[in-house]
């Protein structure tokens, strides 16, 4: 039976390439990324004896995710028709996927049982400014967004966009849904 270990694209940190492929060396920029990189190194000690697949999901979101996370916080503010919203750096760029697509990729990888490391990503970068614009269009509401310096991370990863080329060698039909569709689903769920 295959062991599927969920790492994180955060291990790439501020990568020097775009898009990021699995052979890019880790450059963790925060404690979470360091812990994921260490987990991968530990698992590597066992790959000759155990069937291990490591997945590096990029950012993903969906309905039901806690409002402590960024995208649900934004969607919730628009669903409530909040007058303003405080966020951190609006110029970061992320590769967002729908949680339903990420789970489907995990299931297919478990069925296919490949060994190795696979990015799970949409291959589309999106800034927080773009997320705000999309949710505004979908909700018909405008929010005064304020940057709160307390929310800006000193070691912020500026851009994180992946390549799913290796994933497609196992899942040739990998076509994750657009972020707009995910945001519409989340907004609909938040409004009910």
N, C-alpha and C. Protein backbone atom coordinates (compact mmCIF):
# COMPACT_ATOMS: atom_id res chain seq x y z
N UNK A 1 0.84 -1.18 0.00
CA UNK A 1 0.00 0.00 0.00
C UNK A 1 0.89 1.25 0.00
N UNK A 2 0.53 2.21 -0.80
CA UNK A 2 1.29 3.45 -0.96
C UNK A 2 1.08 4.38 0.23
N UNK A 3 2.15 5.05 0.66
CA UNK A 3 2.05 6.10 1.67
C UNK A 3 2.10 7.43 0.94
N UNK A 4 1.06 8.23 1.11
CA UNK A 4 1.00 9.56 0.50
C UNK A 4 1.30 10.58 1.59
N UNK A 5 2.41 11.28 1.45
CA UNK A 5 2.81 12.27 2.44
C UNK A 5 2.54 13.67 1.90
N UNK A 6 1.76 14.44 2.66
CA UNK A 6 1.42 15.80 2.24
C UNK A 6 2.45 16.77 2.77
N UNK A 7 3.28 17.26 1.88
CA UNK A 7 4.25 18.28 2.20
C UNK A 7 3.62 19.63 1.86
N UNK A 8 4.37 20.54 1.30
CA UNK A 8 3.84 21.86 0.96
C UNK A 8 4.74 22.54 -0.05
N UNK A 9 4.15 23.30 -0.95
CA UNK A 9 4.93 24.11 -1.88
C UNK A 9 5.68 25.21 -1.15
N UNK A 10 5.32 25.46 0.09
CA UNK A 10 6.04 26.46 0.87
C UNK A 10 7.52 26.13 1.03
N UNK A 11 7.89 24.87 0.85
CA UNK A 11 9.30 24.52 0.99
C UNK A 11 10.16 25.22 -0.07
N UNK A 12 9.55 25.64 -1.19
CA UNK A 12 10.31 26.31 -2.25
C UNK A 12 10.71 27.73 -1.87
N UNK A 13 10.00 28.34 -0.92
CA UNK A 13 10.31 29.70 -0.50
C UNK A 13 10.28 30.66 -1.68
N UNK A 14 11.19 31.59 -1.70
CA UNK A 14 11.29 32.53 -2.82
C UNK A 14 12.16 31.90 -3.91
N UNK A 15 11.55 31.00 -4.64
CA UNK A 15 12.25 30.26 -5.69
C UNK A 15 12.75 31.22 -6.77
N UNK A 16 13.79 30.80 -7.43
CA UNK A 16 14.41 31.63 -8.46
C UNK A 16 13.86 31.34 -9.85
N UNK A 17 12.92 30.42 -9.94
CA UNK A 17 12.32 30.05 -11.23
C UNK A 17 10.80 30.18 -11.15
N UNK A 18 10.18 30.30 -12.32
CA UNK A 18 8.72 30.37 -12.42
C UNK A 18 8.31 29.81 -13.78
N UNK A 19 7.56 28.73 -13.81
CA UNK A 19 6.96 28.02 -12.67
C UNK A 19 7.98 27.12 -11.97
N UNK A 20 7.60 26.69 -10.80
CA UNK A 20 8.47 25.87 -9.96
C UNK A 20 8.19 24.39 -10.24
N UNK A 21 9.27 23.67 -10.53
CA UNK A 21 9.18 22.22 -10.73
C UNK A 21 9.72 21.51 -9.49
N UNK A 22 9.44 20.24 -9.41
CA UNK A 22 9.79 19.45 -8.22
C UNK A 22 11.29 19.37 -7.97
N UNK A 23 12.11 19.56 -8.99
CA UNK A 23 13.56 19.46 -8.78
C UNK A 23 14.18 20.77 -8.27
N UNK A 24 13.35 21.80 -8.09
CA UNK A 24 13.84 23.07 -7.53
C UNK A 24 14.25 22.82 -6.08
N UNK A 25 15.46 23.25 -5.68
CA UNK A 25 15.88 22.99 -4.30
C UNK A 25 15.05 23.76 -3.28
N UNK A 26 14.79 23.14 -2.15
CA UNK A 26 14.03 23.83 -1.10
C UNK A 26 14.77 25.08 -0.60
N UNK A 27 13.98 26.13 -0.36
CA UNK A 27 14.49 27.37 0.24
C UNK A 27 13.45 27.84 1.26
N UNK A 28 13.18 27.03 2.28
CA UNK A 28 12.11 27.39 3.22
C UNK A 28 12.35 28.76 3.85
N UNK A 29 11.27 29.55 3.91
CA UNK A 29 11.38 30.92 4.44
C UNK A 29 10.63 31.10 5.75
N UNK A 30 10.04 30.02 6.28
CA UNK A 30 9.33 30.13 7.56
C UNK A 30 9.36 28.78 8.27
N UNK A 31 8.94 28.78 9.51
CA UNK A 31 8.99 27.56 10.34
C UNK A 31 8.17 26.42 9.74
N UNK A 32 6.99 26.75 9.22
CA UNK A 32 6.13 25.72 8.61
C UNK A 32 6.86 25.03 7.46
N UNK A 33 7.47 25.83 6.58
CA UNK A 33 8.18 25.27 5.43
C UNK A 33 9.38 24.43 5.87
N UNK A 34 10.07 24.88 6.90
CA UNK A 34 11.20 24.11 7.43
C UNK A 34 10.71 22.75 7.93
N UNK A 35 9.57 22.73 8.63
CA UNK A 35 9.05 21.46 9.16
C UNK A 35 8.66 20.51 8.02
N UNK A 36 8.10 21.04 6.95
CA UNK A 36 7.71 20.20 5.81
C UNK A 36 8.95 19.67 5.09
N UNK A 37 9.96 20.51 4.94
CA UNK A 37 11.19 20.08 4.30
C UNK A 37 11.86 18.98 5.12
N UNK A 38 11.87 19.14 6.44
CA UNK A 38 12.45 18.12 7.32
C UNK A 38 11.68 16.80 7.21
N UNK A 39 10.34 16.88 7.11
CA UNK A 39 9.53 15.68 6.95
C UNK A 39 9.91 14.95 5.66
N UNK A 40 10.11 15.72 4.58
CA UNK A 40 10.50 15.11 3.31
C UNK A 40 11.87 14.43 3.43
N UNK A 41 12.80 15.07 4.11
CA UNK A 41 14.13 14.48 4.28
C UNK A 41 14.06 13.18 5.08
N UNK A 42 13.23 13.19 6.11
CA UNK A 42 13.06 11.98 6.90
C UNK A 42 12.46 10.86 6.05
N UNK A 43 11.43 11.18 5.27
CA UNK A 43 10.78 10.18 4.42
C UNK A 43 11.76 9.62 3.38
N UNK A 44 12.67 10.46 2.90
CA UNK A 44 13.64 10.02 1.90
C UNK A 44 14.51 8.87 2.42
N UNK A 45 14.69 8.78 3.73
CA UNK A 45 15.47 7.69 4.31
C UNK A 45 14.79 6.34 4.12
N UNK A 46 13.49 6.35 3.83
CA UNK A 46 12.71 5.12 3.74
C UNK A 46 12.24 4.77 2.33
N UNK A 47 12.52 5.63 1.35
CA UNK A 47 11.95 5.40 0.01
C UNK A 47 12.46 4.14 -0.67
N UNK A 48 13.60 3.63 -0.26
CA UNK A 48 14.08 2.38 -0.87
C UNK A 48 13.40 1.16 -0.27
N UNK A 49 12.69 1.34 0.85
CA UNK A 49 12.02 0.23 1.52
C UNK A 49 10.50 0.34 1.56
N UNK A 50 10.00 1.55 1.38
CA UNK A 50 8.55 1.77 1.46
C UNK A 50 8.05 2.51 0.22
N UNK A 51 6.85 2.18 -0.25
CA UNK A 51 6.29 2.91 -1.39
C UNK A 51 5.74 4.27 -0.94
N UNK A 52 6.53 5.32 -1.17
CA UNK A 52 6.17 6.65 -0.68
C UNK A 52 6.02 7.61 -1.85
N UNK A 53 4.92 8.34 -1.82
CA UNK A 53 4.70 9.44 -2.75
C UNK A 53 4.57 10.70 -1.91
N UNK A 54 5.29 11.73 -2.28
CA UNK A 54 5.22 13.02 -1.59
C UNK A 54 4.47 13.98 -2.51
N UNK A 55 3.47 14.65 -1.96
CA UNK A 55 2.77 15.68 -2.72
C UNK A 55 3.11 17.04 -2.12
N UNK A 56 3.31 18.00 -3.01
CA UNK A 56 3.58 19.37 -2.60
C UNK A 56 2.43 20.24 -3.11
N UNK A 57 1.35 20.29 -2.34
CA UNK A 57 0.25 21.14 -2.78
C UNK A 57 0.61 22.62 -2.65
N UNK A 58 0.19 23.38 -3.64
CA UNK A 58 0.30 24.82 -3.55
C UNK A 58 -0.95 25.28 -2.80
N UNK A 59 -1.20 26.55 -2.67
CA UNK A 59 -2.35 27.01 -1.90
C UNK A 59 -3.63 26.42 -2.46
N UNK A 60 -4.49 25.98 -1.57
CA UNK A 60 -5.81 25.51 -2.00
C UNK A 60 -6.85 25.98 -1.00
N UNK A 61 -8.08 26.04 -1.48
CA UNK A 61 -9.16 26.58 -0.67
C UNK A 61 -10.48 25.99 -1.13
N UNK A 62 -11.53 26.29 -0.37
CA UNK A 62 -12.86 25.82 -0.74
C UNK A 62 -13.87 26.12 0.35
N UNK A 63 -15.12 25.86 0.04
CA UNK A 63 -16.20 26.09 0.99
C UNK A 63 -15.97 25.25 2.24
N UNK A 64 -16.22 25.86 3.40
CA UNK A 64 -16.05 25.16 4.67
C UNK A 64 -14.70 25.38 5.33
N UNK A 65 -13.76 25.97 4.60
CA UNK A 65 -12.45 26.24 5.20
C UNK A 65 -12.61 27.38 6.21
N UNK A 66 -11.90 27.29 7.30
CA UNK A 66 -11.98 28.28 8.38
C UNK A 66 -11.67 29.70 7.89
N UNK A 67 -12.38 30.66 8.44
CA UNK A 67 -12.13 32.07 8.11
C UNK A 67 -10.81 32.58 8.65
N UNK A 68 -10.09 31.73 9.37
CA UNK A 68 -8.74 32.10 9.80
C UNK A 68 -7.79 32.11 8.61
N UNK A 69 -8.19 31.42 7.52
CA UNK A 69 -7.38 31.40 6.31
C UNK A 69 -7.77 32.57 5.42
N UNK A 70 -6.84 33.00 4.60
CA UNK A 70 -6.98 34.24 3.85
C UNK A 70 -8.18 34.28 2.90
N UNK A 71 -8.31 33.32 2.00
CA UNK A 71 -9.39 33.37 1.00
C UNK A 71 -10.76 33.29 1.68
N UNK A 72 -10.97 32.37 2.63
CA UNK A 72 -12.27 32.36 3.32
C UNK A 72 -12.55 33.67 4.06
N UNK A 73 -11.51 34.30 4.60
CA UNK A 73 -11.69 35.59 5.29
C UNK A 73 -12.18 36.64 4.30
N UNK A 74 -11.60 36.66 3.11
CA UNK A 74 -12.02 37.60 2.07
C UNK A 74 -13.45 37.31 1.62
N UNK A 75 -13.73 36.06 1.33
CA UNK A 75 -15.08 35.68 0.87
C UNK A 75 -16.13 36.01 1.92
N UNK A 76 -15.82 35.72 3.17
CA UNK A 76 -16.76 36.01 4.26
C UNK A 76 -17.06 37.51 4.34
N UNK A 77 -16.04 38.34 4.21
CA UNK A 77 -16.24 39.79 4.29
C UNK A 77 -17.17 40.28 3.17
N UNK A 78 -16.98 39.75 1.96
CA UNK A 78 -17.86 40.12 0.84
C UNK A 78 -19.26 39.57 1.03
N UNK A 79 -19.39 38.35 1.52
CA UNK A 79 -20.72 37.75 1.74
C UNK A 79 -21.51 38.53 2.79
N UNK A 80 -20.81 39.06 3.80
CA UNK A 80 -21.46 39.84 4.86
C UNK A 80 -21.67 41.30 4.44
N UNK A 81 -21.14 41.67 3.27
CA UNK A 81 -21.20 43.05 2.78
C UNK A 81 -20.49 43.99 3.76
N UNK A 82 -19.36 43.53 4.26
CA UNK A 82 -18.57 44.34 5.20
C UNK A 82 -18.11 45.62 4.51
N UNK A 83 -18.02 46.73 5.25
CA UNK A 83 -17.58 47.99 4.63
C UNK A 83 -16.08 48.04 4.38
N UNK A 84 -15.29 47.37 5.24
CA UNK A 84 -13.84 47.37 5.04
C UNK A 84 -13.24 46.04 5.52
N UNK A 85 -12.00 45.84 5.10
CA UNK A 85 -11.30 44.59 5.41
C UNK A 85 -9.82 44.91 5.56
N UNK A 86 -9.19 44.39 6.60
CA UNK A 86 -7.75 44.58 6.80
C UNK A 86 -7.01 43.32 6.40
N UNK A 87 -6.00 43.51 5.54
CA UNK A 87 -5.18 42.40 5.07
C UNK A 87 -3.72 42.80 5.16
N UNK A 88 -2.85 41.85 4.83
CA UNK A 88 -1.41 42.12 4.78
C UNK A 88 -1.02 42.55 3.38
N UNK A 89 0.08 42.03 2.90
CA UNK A 89 0.63 42.38 1.59
C UNK A 89 -0.31 41.94 0.46
N UNK A 90 -0.81 42.88 -0.31
CA UNK A 90 -1.74 42.58 -1.40
C UNK A 90 -1.02 42.19 -2.69
N UNK A 91 0.28 42.35 -2.71
CA UNK A 91 1.02 42.11 -3.94
C UNK A 91 1.66 40.73 -4.02
N UNK A 92 1.38 39.86 -3.06
CA UNK A 92 1.88 38.49 -3.17
C UNK A 92 1.08 37.77 -4.25
N UNK A 93 1.70 36.82 -4.88
CA UNK A 93 1.11 36.09 -5.99
C UNK A 93 1.14 34.61 -5.64
N UNK A 94 -0.01 33.95 -5.73
CA UNK A 94 -0.09 32.54 -5.34
C UNK A 94 -0.78 31.72 -6.42
N UNK A 95 -0.50 30.44 -6.38
CA UNK A 95 -1.10 29.44 -7.26
C UNK A 95 -2.20 28.79 -6.42
N UNK A 96 -3.45 29.21 -6.65
CA UNK A 96 -4.58 28.71 -5.86
C UNK A 96 -5.28 27.58 -6.59
N UNK A 97 -5.60 26.52 -5.86
CA UNK A 97 -6.37 25.40 -6.39
C UNK A 97 -7.63 25.21 -5.57
N UNK A 98 -8.58 24.52 -6.15
CA UNK A 98 -9.82 24.16 -5.48
C UNK A 98 -9.56 22.88 -4.67
N UNK A 99 -9.99 22.86 -3.43
CA UNK A 99 -9.77 21.70 -2.56
C UNK A 99 -10.33 20.43 -3.19
N UNK A 100 -11.42 20.53 -3.95
CA UNK A 100 -12.00 19.34 -4.59
C UNK A 100 -11.04 18.76 -5.61
N UNK A 101 -10.32 19.62 -6.32
CA UNK A 101 -9.33 19.14 -7.29
C UNK A 101 -8.13 18.52 -6.59
N UNK A 102 -7.70 19.12 -5.50
CA UNK A 102 -6.55 18.61 -4.76
C UNK A 102 -6.87 17.21 -4.21
N UNK A 103 -8.05 17.06 -3.64
CA UNK A 103 -8.45 15.75 -3.10
C UNK A 103 -8.54 14.71 -4.23
N UNK A 104 -9.07 15.11 -5.37
CA UNK A 104 -9.14 14.19 -6.53
C UNK A 104 -7.74 13.77 -6.97
N UNK A 105 -6.80 14.71 -6.98
CA UNK A 105 -5.41 14.38 -7.35
C UNK A 105 -4.83 13.37 -6.35
N UNK A 106 -5.05 13.60 -5.06
CA UNK A 106 -4.55 12.67 -4.05
C UNK A 106 -5.13 11.27 -4.28
N UNK A 107 -6.44 11.21 -4.52
CA UNK A 107 -7.10 9.91 -4.73
C UNK A 107 -6.51 9.19 -5.95
N UNK A 108 -6.34 9.92 -7.04
CA UNK A 108 -5.80 9.31 -8.26
C UNK A 108 -4.35 8.86 -8.06
N UNK A 109 -3.58 9.64 -7.32
CA UNK A 109 -2.20 9.24 -7.05
C UNK A 109 -2.17 7.97 -6.18
N UNK A 110 -3.05 7.90 -5.21
CA UNK A 110 -3.12 6.68 -4.39
C UNK A 110 -3.47 5.46 -5.24
N UNK A 111 -4.38 5.65 -6.20
CA UNK A 111 -4.76 4.54 -7.08
C UNK A 111 -3.63 4.16 -8.03
N UNK A 112 -2.92 5.14 -8.56
CA UNK A 112 -1.86 4.88 -9.53
C UNK A 112 -0.57 4.38 -8.87
N UNK A 113 -0.37 4.73 -7.61
CA UNK A 113 0.78 4.32 -6.80
C UNK A 113 2.15 4.65 -7.38
N UNK A 114 2.34 5.86 -7.90
CA UNK A 114 3.69 6.21 -8.37
C UNK A 114 4.57 6.57 -7.18
N UNK A 115 5.84 6.38 -7.33
CA UNK A 115 6.78 6.85 -6.31
C UNK A 115 7.34 8.18 -6.78
N UNK A 116 7.73 9.00 -5.82
CA UNK A 116 8.34 10.28 -6.18
C UNK A 116 7.61 11.45 -5.55
N UNK A 117 7.91 12.63 -6.05
CA UNK A 117 7.36 13.88 -5.53
C UNK A 117 6.59 14.57 -6.63
N UNK A 118 5.40 15.08 -6.28
CA UNK A 118 4.52 15.70 -7.26
C UNK A 118 3.96 17.02 -6.74
N UNK A 119 4.12 18.07 -7.53
CA UNK A 119 3.41 19.32 -7.24
C UNK A 119 1.94 19.11 -7.55
N UNK A 120 1.08 19.65 -6.71
CA UNK A 120 -0.36 19.68 -6.99
C UNK A 120 -0.72 21.15 -7.04
N UNK A 121 -0.97 21.64 -8.26
CA UNK A 121 -1.13 23.07 -8.45
C UNK A 121 -2.01 23.36 -9.66
N UNK A 122 -2.43 24.60 -9.77
CA UNK A 122 -3.26 25.02 -10.90
C UNK A 122 -2.43 25.56 -12.06
N UNK A 123 -1.19 25.91 -11.78
CA UNK A 123 -0.25 26.51 -12.74
C UNK A 123 -0.63 27.95 -13.11
N UNK A 124 -1.53 28.54 -12.33
CA UNK A 124 -1.95 29.92 -12.59
C UNK A 124 -1.64 30.76 -11.35
N UNK A 125 -0.87 31.82 -11.54
CA UNK A 125 -0.59 32.73 -10.44
C UNK A 125 -1.69 33.77 -10.34
N UNK A 126 -1.99 34.18 -9.12
CA UNK A 126 -3.05 35.17 -8.90
C UNK A 126 -2.67 36.02 -7.69
N UNK A 127 -2.66 37.33 -7.86
CA UNK A 127 -2.34 38.21 -6.74
C UNK A 127 -3.57 38.36 -5.85
N UNK A 128 -3.34 38.81 -4.63
CA UNK A 128 -4.49 39.04 -3.75
C UNK A 128 -5.37 40.17 -4.30
N UNK A 129 -4.77 41.11 -4.99
CA UNK A 129 -5.57 42.17 -5.63
C UNK A 129 -6.54 41.56 -6.64
N UNK A 130 -6.08 40.57 -7.38
CA UNK A 130 -6.94 39.89 -8.35
C UNK A 130 -8.04 39.08 -7.65
N UNK A 131 -7.70 38.42 -6.55
CA UNK A 131 -8.71 37.69 -5.77
C UNK A 131 -9.80 38.66 -5.32
N UNK A 132 -9.39 39.81 -4.79
CA UNK A 132 -10.35 40.82 -4.34
C UNK A 132 -11.24 41.30 -5.48
N UNK A 133 -10.65 41.50 -6.65
CA UNK A 133 -11.42 41.94 -7.81
C UNK A 133 -12.44 40.88 -8.22
N UNK A 134 -12.01 39.62 -8.24
CA UNK A 134 -12.92 38.53 -8.63
C UNK A 134 -14.09 38.40 -7.66
N UNK A 135 -13.80 38.43 -6.35
CA UNK A 135 -14.88 38.28 -5.36
C UNK A 135 -15.80 39.50 -5.41
N UNK A 136 -15.26 40.66 -5.67
CA UNK A 136 -16.09 41.86 -5.82
C UNK A 136 -17.04 41.72 -7.01
N UNK A 137 -16.52 41.25 -8.13
CA UNK A 137 -17.37 41.02 -9.31
C UNK A 137 -18.45 40.00 -9.04
N UNK A 138 -18.07 38.90 -8.40
CA UNK A 138 -19.03 37.82 -8.13
C UNK A 138 -20.11 38.24 -7.14
N UNK A 139 -19.74 39.06 -6.16
CA UNK A 139 -20.68 39.43 -5.10
C UNK A 139 -21.45 40.71 -5.41
N UNK A 140 -20.92 41.51 -6.33
CA UNK A 140 -21.53 42.81 -6.61
C UNK A 140 -21.30 43.81 -5.48
N UNK A 141 -20.32 43.54 -4.66
CA UNK A 141 -20.04 44.39 -3.49
C UNK A 141 -18.60 44.91 -3.58
N UNK A 142 -18.38 46.11 -3.10
CA UNK A 142 -17.04 46.70 -3.04
C UNK A 142 -16.68 46.92 -1.58
N UNK A 143 -15.44 46.59 -1.26
CA UNK A 143 -14.94 46.73 0.10
C UNK A 143 -13.73 47.66 0.09
N UNK A 144 -13.65 48.50 1.11
CA UNK A 144 -12.47 49.32 1.32
C UNK A 144 -11.42 48.41 1.98
N UNK A 145 -10.38 48.06 1.23
CA UNK A 145 -9.34 47.16 1.74
C UNK A 145 -8.19 48.00 2.27
N UNK A 146 -7.83 47.73 3.52
CA UNK A 146 -6.74 48.44 4.17
C UNK A 146 -5.60 47.47 4.47
N UNK A 147 -4.38 47.90 4.19
CA UNK A 147 -3.22 47.09 4.52
C UNK A 147 -2.84 47.38 5.96
N UNK A 148 -2.86 46.34 6.77
CA UNK A 148 -2.46 46.46 8.17
C UNK A 148 -1.01 45.99 8.28
N UNK A 149 -0.09 46.88 8.62
CA UNK A 149 1.33 46.49 8.71
C UNK A 149 1.57 45.30 9.63
N UNK A 150 0.72 45.11 10.63
CA UNK A 150 0.88 43.98 11.55
C UNK A 150 0.65 42.65 10.83
N UNK A 151 -0.06 42.66 9.70
CA UNK A 151 -0.34 41.44 8.95
C UNK A 151 0.69 41.15 7.86
N UNK A 152 1.62 42.08 7.65
CA UNK A 152 2.65 41.90 6.61
C UNK A 152 3.80 41.11 7.21
N UNK A 153 4.13 39.97 6.59
CA UNK A 153 5.19 39.11 7.11
C UNK A 153 6.55 39.59 6.63
N UNK A 154 7.50 39.61 7.54
CA UNK A 154 8.85 40.04 7.20
C UNK A 154 9.51 39.09 6.20
N UNK A 155 9.20 37.81 6.30
CA UNK A 155 9.82 36.81 5.42
C UNK A 155 8.82 36.31 4.37
N UNK A 156 8.02 37.21 3.84
CA UNK A 156 6.96 36.87 2.89
C UNK A 156 7.52 36.26 1.61
N UNK A 157 6.92 35.17 1.18
CA UNK A 157 7.22 34.60 -0.13
C UNK A 157 6.42 35.41 -1.13
N UNK A 158 7.10 36.03 -2.08
CA UNK A 158 6.45 36.98 -3.00
C UNK A 158 5.61 36.29 -4.07
N UNK A 159 6.15 35.24 -4.67
CA UNK A 159 5.46 34.57 -5.78
C UNK A 159 5.66 33.07 -5.63
N UNK A 160 4.57 32.33 -5.78
CA UNK A 160 4.62 30.88 -5.66
C UNK A 160 3.68 30.29 -6.69
N UNK A 161 4.24 29.85 -7.82
CA UNK A 161 3.43 29.26 -8.89
C UNK A 161 4.13 28.00 -9.37
N UNK A 162 3.37 26.92 -9.46
CA UNK A 162 3.97 25.64 -9.76
C UNK A 162 3.74 25.13 -11.17
N UNK A 163 4.50 24.10 -11.49
CA UNK A 163 4.33 23.35 -12.73
C UNK A 163 3.73 22.00 -12.36
N UNK A 164 2.71 21.58 -13.09
CA UNK A 164 2.08 20.27 -12.87
C UNK A 164 2.49 19.28 -13.94
N UNK A 165 3.59 19.54 -14.63
CA UNK A 165 4.03 18.63 -15.71
C UNK A 165 4.23 17.21 -15.20
N UNK A 166 4.90 17.05 -14.06
CA UNK A 166 5.14 15.70 -13.53
C UNK A 166 3.82 15.04 -13.11
N UNK A 167 2.93 15.81 -12.52
CA UNK A 167 1.62 15.26 -12.12
C UNK A 167 0.87 14.73 -13.35
N UNK A 168 0.97 15.44 -14.47
CA UNK A 168 0.27 15.01 -15.68
C UNK A 168 0.84 13.72 -16.28
N UNK A 169 2.05 13.33 -15.89
CA UNK A 169 2.57 12.04 -16.37
C UNK A 169 1.78 10.89 -15.76
N UNK A 170 1.19 11.13 -14.60
CA UNK A 170 0.37 10.12 -13.92
C UNK A 170 -1.12 10.41 -14.13
N UNK A 171 -1.48 11.69 -14.14
CA UNK A 171 -2.87 12.12 -14.32
C UNK A 171 -2.97 12.99 -15.57
N UNK A 172 -3.00 12.38 -16.75
CA UNK A 172 -2.97 13.18 -17.98
C UNK A 172 -4.17 14.13 -18.12
N UNK A 173 -5.25 13.84 -17.44
CA UNK A 173 -6.44 14.69 -17.53
C UNK A 173 -6.48 15.77 -16.45
N UNK A 174 -5.36 16.11 -15.85
CA UNK A 174 -5.32 17.12 -14.79
C UNK A 174 -5.63 18.49 -15.38
N UNK A 175 -6.82 18.97 -15.11
CA UNK A 175 -7.27 20.30 -15.55
C UNK A 175 -8.05 20.92 -14.40
N UNK A 176 -7.35 21.52 -13.43
CA UNK A 176 -8.05 22.09 -12.27
C UNK A 176 -8.95 23.24 -12.67
N UNK A 177 -10.05 23.36 -11.95
CA UNK A 177 -11.02 24.42 -12.26
C UNK A 177 -10.44 25.80 -12.00
N UNK A 178 -10.95 26.80 -12.70
CA UNK A 178 -10.47 28.18 -12.49
C UNK A 178 -10.81 28.68 -11.09
N UNK A 179 -9.98 29.57 -10.58
CA UNK A 179 -10.20 30.14 -9.25
C UNK A 179 -11.56 30.83 -9.17
N UNK A 180 -11.98 31.47 -10.24
CA UNK A 180 -13.28 32.15 -10.25
C UNK A 180 -14.41 31.18 -9.86
N UNK A 181 -14.36 29.95 -10.38
CA UNK A 181 -15.39 28.95 -10.05
C UNK A 181 -15.34 28.58 -8.57
N UNK A 182 -14.14 28.44 -8.03
CA UNK A 182 -14.00 28.12 -6.60
C UNK A 182 -14.54 29.25 -5.74
N UNK A 183 -14.20 30.48 -6.10
CA UNK A 183 -14.68 31.64 -5.34
C UNK A 183 -16.20 31.75 -5.41
N UNK A 184 -16.78 31.47 -6.57
CA UNK A 184 -18.25 31.51 -6.70
C UNK A 184 -18.89 30.46 -5.80
N UNK A 185 -18.33 29.28 -5.74
CA UNK A 185 -18.82 28.20 -4.87
C UNK A 185 -18.73 28.63 -3.40
N UNK A 186 -17.59 29.18 -3.02
CA UNK A 186 -17.40 29.62 -1.65
C UNK A 186 -18.35 30.75 -1.28
N UNK A 187 -18.54 31.69 -2.19
CA UNK A 187 -19.43 32.81 -1.94
C UNK A 187 -20.87 32.34 -1.80
N UNK A 188 -21.27 31.40 -2.65
CA UNK A 188 -22.62 30.85 -2.58
C UNK A 188 -22.84 30.14 -1.25
N UNK A 189 -21.86 29.34 -0.82
CA UNK A 189 -21.97 28.62 0.45
C UNK A 189 -21.98 29.58 1.64
N UNK A 190 -21.20 30.65 1.57
CA UNK A 190 -21.12 31.62 2.66
C UNK A 190 -22.40 32.43 2.77
N UNK A 191 -23.14 32.53 1.68
CA UNK A 191 -24.36 33.34 1.67
C UNK A 191 -25.60 32.56 2.06
N UNK A 192 -25.46 31.24 2.24
CA UNK A 192 -26.65 30.43 2.59
C UNK A 192 -26.74 30.17 4.07
